[in-house]
Amino acid sequence: MSAAQSFKALALALVLAIGVTACAGSQGGQPQTGDTRFVAGDGKMQVFGAADRKPAPEVSGPTLDGENASLAAYKGKVVVLNFWASWCAPCVAEAPVLKDVAAKTKAQGVDFLGVAFKDDKAAALAFERNHKPGYPSLHDQPGKVALAFQGTVPPAAIPSTLIIDRQGRIAARALGAVKYTDLLNTVNQISGEDGRQ
């Protein structure tokens, strides 16, 4: 194998490895052929110190089940906000993790809210029927919710997970599919904080 062929093979392997870690959003609900806007992420939670936490933007909108949801409705609670799409393989892989941690932490005053990012509504509803997350998801077909978090989460990075503390500040984030123990430990840490921090 020539040096040029080796380089091409290595570059292709790198692109494929990044693609498994995170999906790139696109217009129309499906990734475009040749879409290379991958945002690499290892799914590890990055926790922000209390002094470094920024307020979460006010976001609201219709949920997939036809209701309305807003972050303001969760005031005083810890909220895990997960950006996902039905066509994103890492989102499918992390769905059982989110479901289990949501059920395990609900009694601690922790609520989960999904954001179906640039996804076809029928496909997103099918995803919810298959995975039964146990919590609602905003239908963010235009990507406005994700755009409101620009600077914290790259607008096209999915899956992405944010943990918002009881004061409405972004306390932690993960880019890429979250790991069970990492998410559970971080949610427990933030939900156990004194509300006056």
C-alpha atoms as a PDB file:
ATOM      1  CA  MET A   1       0.000   0.000   0.000  1.00  0.00           C
ATOM      2  CA  SER A   2       1.397   3.384  -0.999  1.00  0.00           C
ATOM      3  CA  ALA A   3       1.718   6.307   1.402  1.00  0.00           C
ATOM      4  CA  ALA A   4      -1.179   8.083  -0.356  1.00  0.00           C
ATOM      5  CA  GLN A   5      -3.411   5.013  -0.026  1.00  0.00           C
ATOM      6  CA  SER A   6      -2.459   4.658   3.645  1.00  0.00           C
ATOM      7  CA  PHE A   7      -3.312   8.299   4.273  1.00  0.00           C
ATOM      8  CA  LYS A   8      -6.695   7.942   2.531  1.00  0.00           C
ATOM      9  CA  ALA A   9      -7.501   4.803   4.528  1.00  0.00           C
ATOM     10  CA  LEU A  10      -6.549   6.527   7.798  1.00  0.00           C
ATOM     11  CA  ALA A  11      -8.613   9.618   6.935  1.00  0.00           C
ATOM     12  CA  LEU A  12     -11.652   7.471   6.086  1.00  0.00           C
ATOM     13  CA  ALA A  13     -11.305   5.499   9.335  1.00  0.00           C
ATOM     14  CA  LEU A  14     -11.092   8.748  11.321  1.00  0.00           C
ATOM     15  CA  VAL A  15     -14.234  10.183   9.673  1.00  0.00           C
ATOM     16  CA  LEU A  16     -16.136   6.951  10.344  1.00  0.00           C
ATOM     17  CA  ALA A  17     -15.004   6.848  13.987  1.00  0.00           C
ATOM     18  CA  ILE A  18     -16.127  10.429  14.563  1.00  0.00           C
ATOM     19  CA  GLY A  19     -19.430   9.676  12.841  1.00  0.00           C
ATOM     20  CA  VAL A  20     -20.163   6.913  15.334  1.00  0.00           C
ATOM     21  CA  THR A  21     -19.544   9.298  18.226  1.00  0.00           C
ATOM     22  CA  ALA A  22     -21.803  12.188  17.192  1.00  0.00           C
ATOM     23  CA  CYS A  23     -24.256  13.028  14.438  1.00  0.00           C
ATOM     24  CA  ALA A  24     -24.483  16.279  12.520  1.00  0.00           C
ATOM     25  CA  GLY A  25     -27.824  17.941  12.063  1.00  0.00           C
ATOM     26  CA  SER A  26     -29.090  19.124   8.723  1.00  0.00           C
ATOM     27  CA  GLN A  27     -32.130  20.719   7.168  1.00  0.00           C
ATOM     28  CA  GLY A  28     -35.040  18.440   6.408  1.00  0.00           C
ATOM     29  CA  GLY A  29     -34.610  16.012   9.287  1.00  0.00           C
ATOM     30  CA  GLN A  30     -32.070  13.682   7.724  1.00  0.00           C
ATOM     31  CA  PRO A  31     -28.335  14.085   7.332  1.00  0.00           C
ATOM     32  CA  GLN A  32     -27.378  15.036   3.808  1.00  0.00           C
ATOM     33  CA  THR A  33     -25.232  12.698   1.757  1.00  0.00           C
ATOM     34  CA  GLY A  34     -21.643  13.791   2.237  1.00  0.00           C
ATOM     35  CA  ASP A  35     -22.506  15.782   5.369  1.00  0.00           C
ATOM     36  CA  THR A  36     -19.213  15.960   7.257  1.00  0.00           C
ATOM     37  CA  ARG A  37     -20.151  18.440   9.993  1.00  0.00           C
ATOM     38  CA  PHE A  38     -19.462  16.008  12.791  1.00  0.00           C
ATOM     39  CA  VAL A  39     -18.794  17.315  16.262  1.00  0.00           C
ATOM     40  CA  ALA A  40     -16.706  14.774  18.088  1.00  0.00           C
ATOM     41  CA  GLY A  41     -17.694  13.952  21.623  1.00  0.00           C
ATOM     42  CA  ASP A  42     -16.867  11.161  24.016  1.00  0.00           C
ATOM     43  CA  GLY A  43     -20.085  11.419  26.053  1.00  0.00           C
ATOM     44  CA  LYS A  44     -18.275  12.341  29.275  1.00  0.00           C
ATOM     45  CA  MET A  45     -20.004  14.840  31.506  1.00  0.00           C
ATOM     46  CA  GLN A  46     -18.203  18.139  31.982  1.00  0.00           C
ATOM     47  CA  VAL A  47     -19.337  19.761  35.242  1.00  0.00           C
ATOM     48  CA  PHE A  48     -19.120  23.535  35.598  1.00  0.00           C
ATOM     49  CA  GLY A  49     -18.298  25.135  38.951  1.00  0.00           C
ATOM     50  CA  ALA A  50     -21.108  27.226  40.479  1.00  0.00           C
ATOM     51  CA  ALA A  51     -19.296  30.491  39.643  1.00  0.00           C
ATOM     52  CA  ASP A  52     -18.891  29.471  35.983  1.00  0.00           C
ATOM     53  CA  ARG A  53     -22.496  28.470  35.322  1.00  0.00           C
ATOM     54  CA  LYS A  54     -24.479  30.514  32.832  1.00  0.00           C
ATOM     55  CA  PRO A  55     -28.281  30.814  32.886  1.00  0.00           C
ATOM     56  CA  ALA A  56     -30.051  28.493  30.477  1.00  0.00           C
ATOM     57  CA  PRO A  57     -31.964  30.371  27.798  1.00  0.00           C
ATOM     58  CA  GLU A  58     -35.742  30.520  27.998  1.00  0.00           C
ATOM     59  CA  VAL A  59     -36.940  27.858  25.604  1.00  0.00           C
ATOM     60  CA  SER A  60     -40.417  26.541  24.989  1.00  0.00           C
ATOM     61  CA  GLY A  61     -42.438  24.942  22.271  1.00  0.00           C
ATOM     62  CA  PRO A  62     -44.688  22.118  21.196  1.00  0.00           C
ATOM     63  CA  THR A  63     -43.872  18.595  22.305  1.00  0.00           C
ATOM     64  CA  LEU A  64     -44.144  15.559  20.079  1.00  0.00           C
ATOM     65  CA  ASP A  65     -47.360  14.553  21.862  1.00  0.00           C
ATOM     66  CA  GLY A  66     -49.044  17.890  21.087  1.00  0.00           C
ATOM     67  CA  GLU A  67     -48.597  19.573  24.472  1.00  0.00           C
ATOM     68  CA  ASN A  68     -46.402  22.574  25.225  1.00  0.00           C
ATOM     69  CA  ALA A  69     -43.279  22.532  27.377  1.00  0.00           C
ATOM     70  CA  SER A  70     -40.870  25.160  28.630  1.00  0.00           C
ATOM     71  CA  LEU A  71     -37.808  25.205  30.828  1.00  0.00           C
ATOM     72  CA  ALA A  72     -39.524  27.828  32.985  1.00  0.00           C
ATOM     73  CA  ALA A  73     -42.078  25.195  34.037  1.00  0.00           C
ATOM     74  CA  TYR A  74     -39.262  23.239  35.713  1.00  0.00           C
ATOM     75  CA  LYS A  75     -38.122  26.122  37.931  1.00  0.00           C
ATOM     76  CA  GLY A  76     -36.570  24.847  41.156  1.00  0.00           C
ATOM     77  CA  LYS A  77     -35.861  21.398  39.710  1.00  0.00           C
ATOM     78  CA  VAL A  78     -32.826  19.835  38.115  1.00  0.00           C
ATOM     79  CA  VAL A  79     -33.488  19.310  34.408  1.00  0.00           C
ATOM     80  CA  VAL A  80     -31.628  16.971  32.077  1.00  0.00           C
ATOM     81  CA  LEU A  81     -32.047  18.298  28.549  1.00  0.00           C
ATOM     82  CA  ASN A  82     -31.139  15.826  25.797  1.00  0.00           C
ATOM     83  CA  PHE A  83     -30.857  16.748  22.110  1.00  0.00           C
ATOM     84  CA  TRP A  84     -31.545  13.742  19.849  1.00  0.00           C
ATOM     85  CA  ALA A  85     -32.841  12.611  16.463  1.00  0.00           C
ATOM     86  CA  SER A  86     -34.340   9.338  15.287  1.00  0.00           C
ATOM     87  CA  TRP A  87     -31.778   9.055  12.456  1.00  0.00           C
ATOM     88  CA  CYS A  88     -28.779   9.392  14.803  1.00  0.00           C
ATOM     89  CA  ALA A  89     -27.254   6.006  15.748  1.00  0.00           C
ATOM     90  CA  PRO A  90     -25.561   7.270  18.964  1.00  0.00           C
ATOM     91  CA  CYS A  91     -28.935   8.746  20.024  1.00  0.00           C
ATOM     92  CA  VAL A  92     -30.521   5.317  19.635  1.00  0.00           C
ATOM     93  CA  ALA A  93     -27.659   3.746  21.613  1.00  0.00           C
ATOM     94  CA  GLU A  94     -28.019   6.158  24.556  1.00  0.00           C
ATOM     95  CA  ALA A  95     -31.841   6.036  24.742  1.00  0.00           C
ATOM     96  CA  PRO A  96     -31.953   3.197  27.344  1.00  0.00           C
ATOM     97  CA  VAL A  97     -29.393   5.056  29.497  1.00  0.00           C
ATOM     98  CA  LEU A  98     -31.504   8.221  29.563  1.00  0.00           C
ATOM     99  CA  LYS A  99     -34.700   6.271  30.256  1.00  0.00           C
ATOM    100  CA  ASP A 100     -33.156   4.386  33.191  1.00  0.00           C
ATOM    101  CA  VAL A 101     -31.499   7.434  34.779  1.00  0.00           C
ATOM    102  CA  ALA A 102     -34.719   9.463  34.363  1.00  0.00           C
ATOM    103  CA  ALA A 103     -36.724   6.803  36.201  1.00  0.00           C
ATOM    104  CA  LYS A 104     -34.079   6.373  38.911  1.00  0.00           C
ATOM    105  CA  THR A 105     -33.733  10.111  39.703  1.00  0.00           C
ATOM    106  CA  LYS A 106     -37.342  11.351  39.378  1.00  0.00           C
ATOM    107  CA  ALA A 107     -37.951  11.055  43.137  1.00  0.00           C
ATOM    108  CA  GLN A 108     -35.012  13.447  43.726  1.00  0.00           C
ATOM    109  CA  GLY A 109     -36.792  16.252  41.855  1.00  0.00           C
ATOM    110  CA  VAL A 110     -34.987  15.612  38.576  1.00  0.00           C
ATOM    111  CA  ASP A 111     -36.932  15.972  35.323  1.00  0.00           C
ATOM    112  CA  PHE A 112     -35.844  15.011  31.835  1.00  0.00           C
ATOM    113  CA  LEU A 113     -36.843  16.855  28.674  1.00  0.00           C
ATOM    114  CA  GLY A 114     -35.870  15.739  25.206  1.00  0.00           C
ATOM    115  CA  VAL A 115     -35.372  17.906  22.142  1.00  0.00           C
ATOM    116  CA  ALA A 116     -36.070  16.133  18.851  1.00  0.00           C
ATOM    117  CA  PHE A 117     -33.629  18.099  16.704  1.00  0.00           C
ATOM    118  CA  LYS A 118     -34.366  18.647  12.997  1.00  0.00           C
ATOM    119  CA  ASP A 119     -36.324  15.423  12.869  1.00  0.00           C
ATOM    120  CA  ASP A 120     -39.424  14.419  10.945  1.00  0.00           C
ATOM    121  CA  LYS A 121     -42.310  14.313  13.437  1.00  0.00           C
ATOM    122  CA  ALA A 122     -43.532  10.857  12.368  1.00  0.00           C
ATOM    123  CA  ALA A 123     -40.008   9.405  12.668  1.00  0.00           C
ATOM    124  CA  ALA A 124     -39.505  11.069  16.077  1.00  0.00           C
ATOM    125  CA  LEU A 125     -42.851   9.711  17.325  1.00  0.00           C
ATOM    126  CA  ALA A 126     -41.870   6.225  16.139  1.00  0.00           C
ATOM    127  CA  PHE A 127     -38.587   6.591  18.043  1.00  0.00           C
ATOM    128  CA  GLU A 128     -40.533   7.479  21.203  1.00  0.00           C
ATOM    129  CA  ARG A 129     -42.934   4.550  20.734  1.00  0.00           C
ATOM    130  CA  ASN A 130     -39.980   2.174  20.374  1.00  0.00           C
ATOM    131  CA  HIS A 131     -37.902   3.521  23.289  1.00  0.00           C
ATOM    132  CA  LYS A 132     -40.644   4.756  25.682  1.00  0.00           C
ATOM    133  CA  PRO A 133     -38.422   7.349  27.410  1.00  0.00           C
ATOM    134  CA  GLY A 134     -41.025   8.288  30.027  1.00  0.00           C
ATOM    135  CA  TYR A 135     -40.560  12.041  29.525  1.00  0.00           C
ATOM    136  CA  PRO A 136     -41.631  14.560  26.845  1.00  0.00           C
ATOM    137  CA  SER A 137     -39.612  15.898  23.939  1.00  0.00           C
ATOM    138  CA  LEU A 138     -39.874  19.271  22.264  1.00  0.00           C
ATOM    139  CA  HIS A 139     -40.189  18.995  18.479  1.00  0.00           C
ATOM    140  CA  ASP A 140     -37.387  21.298  17.299  1.00  0.00           C
ATOM    141  CA  GLN A 141     -37.612  20.790  13.533  1.00  0.00           C
ATOM    142  CA  PRO A 142     -36.212  24.271  12.749  1.00  0.00           C
ATOM    143  CA  GLY A 143     -33.362  23.915  15.288  1.00  0.00           C
ATOM    144  CA  LYS A 144     -34.336  27.033  17.285  1.00  0.00           C
ATOM    145  CA  VAL A 145     -33.979  25.381  20.701  1.00  0.00           C
ATOM    146  CA  ALA A 146     -30.513  24.115  19.854  1.00  0.00           C
ATOM    147  CA  LEU A 147     -29.553  27.520  18.467  1.00  0.00           C
ATOM    148  CA  ALA A 148     -30.579  29.163  21.761  1.00  0.00           C
ATOM    149  CA  PHE A 149     -27.841  27.112  23.474  1.00  0.00           C
ATOM    150  CA  GLN A 150     -25.127  28.158  21.008  1.00  0.00           C
ATOM    151  CA  GLY A 151     -21.910  28.680  22.933  1.00  0.00           C
ATOM    152  CA  THR A 152     -22.691  25.809  25.286  1.00  0.00           C
ATOM    153  CA  VAL A 153     -23.662  23.127  22.776  1.00  0.00           C
ATOM    154  CA  PRO A 154     -22.718  23.351  19.106  1.00  0.00           C
ATOM    155  CA  PRO A 155     -26.096  23.777  17.352  1.00  0.00           C
ATOM    156  CA  ALA A 156     -25.600  20.706  15.165  1.00  0.00           C
ATOM    157  CA  ALA A 157     -24.065  18.391  17.774  1.00  0.00           C
ATOM    158  CA  ILE A 158     -26.287  15.474  18.622  1.00  0.00           C
ATOM    159  CA  PRO A 159     -26.577  13.685  20.825  1.00  0.00           C
ATOM    160  CA  SER A 160     -25.848  16.333  23.435  1.00  0.00           C
ATOM    161  CA  THR A 161     -26.983  16.407  27.038  1.00  0.00           C
ATOM    162  CA  LEU A 162     -27.168  19.351  29.423  1.00  0.00           C
ATOM    163  CA  ILE A 163     -27.917  19.305  33.137  1.00  0.00           C
ATOM    164  CA  ILE A 164     -29.570  22.475  34.378  1.00  0.00           C
ATOM    165  CA  ASP A 165     -29.388  23.131  38.119  1.00  0.00           C
ATOM    166  CA  ARG A 166     -32.207  24.266  40.419  1.00  0.00           C
ATOM    167  CA  GLN A 167     -31.319  27.927  39.754  1.00  0.00           C
ATOM    168  CA  GLY A 168     -31.787  27.459  35.996  1.00  0.00           C
ATOM    169  CA  ARG A 169     -28.066  27.476  35.203  1.00  0.00           C
ATOM    170  CA  ILE A 170     -26.201  25.077  32.921  1.00  0.00           C
ATOM    171  CA  ALA A 171     -24.300  22.914  35.403  1.00  0.00           C
ATOM    172  CA  ALA A 172     -22.950  20.167  33.139  1.00  0.00           C
ATOM    173  CA  ARG A 173     -22.846  19.008  29.541  1.00  0.00           C
ATOM    174  CA  ALA A 174     -21.878  16.016  27.461  1.00  0.00           C
ATOM    175  CA  LEU A 175     -21.278  15.900  23.724  1.00  0.00           C
ATOM    176  CA  GLY A 176     -21.839  12.430  22.299  1.00  0.00           C
ATOM    177  CA  ALA A 177     -23.698   9.460  23.731  1.00  0.00           C
ATOM    178  CA  VAL A 178     -23.691   9.582  27.541  1.00  0.00           C
ATOM    179  CA  LYS A 179     -22.522   6.685  29.678  1.00  0.00           C
ATOM    180  CA  TYR A 180     -24.864   5.372  32.381  1.00  0.00           C
ATOM    181  CA  THR A 181     -22.602   5.733  35.427  1.00  0.00           C
ATOM    182  CA  ASP A 182     -21.254   9.122  34.323  1.00  0.00           C
ATOM    183  CA  LEU A 183     -24.747  10.555  33.788  1.00  0.00           C
ATOM    184  CA  LEU A 184     -26.200   9.063  36.979  1.00  0.00           C
ATOM    185  CA  ASN A 185     -23.299  10.268  39.142  1.00  0.00           C
ATOM    186  CA  THR A 186     -23.437  13.781  37.679  1.00  0.00           C
ATOM    187  CA  VAL A 187     -27.217  14.044  38.056  1.00  0.00           C
ATOM    188  CA  ASN A 188     -26.919  12.856  41.673  1.00  0.00           C
ATOM    189  CA  GLN A 189     -24.136  15.373  42.332  1.00  0.00           C
ATOM    190  CA  ILE A 190     -26.092  18.323  40.927  1.00  0.00           C
ATOM    191  CA  SER A 191     -29.414  17.288  42.468  1.00  0.00           C
ATOM    192  CA  GLY A 192     -27.664  16.994  45.841  1.00  0.00           C
ATOM    193  CA  GLU A 193     -26.321  20.548  45.747  1.00  0.00           C
ATOM    194  CA  ASP A 194     -27.633  23.167  48.121  1.00  0.00           C
ATOM    195  CA  GLY A 195     -30.155  25.245  46.198  1.00  0.00           C
ATOM    196  CA  ARG A 196     -28.463  28.492  47.299  1.00  0.00           C
ATOM    197  CA  GLN A 197     -25.192  27.918  45.434  1.00  0.00           C
END
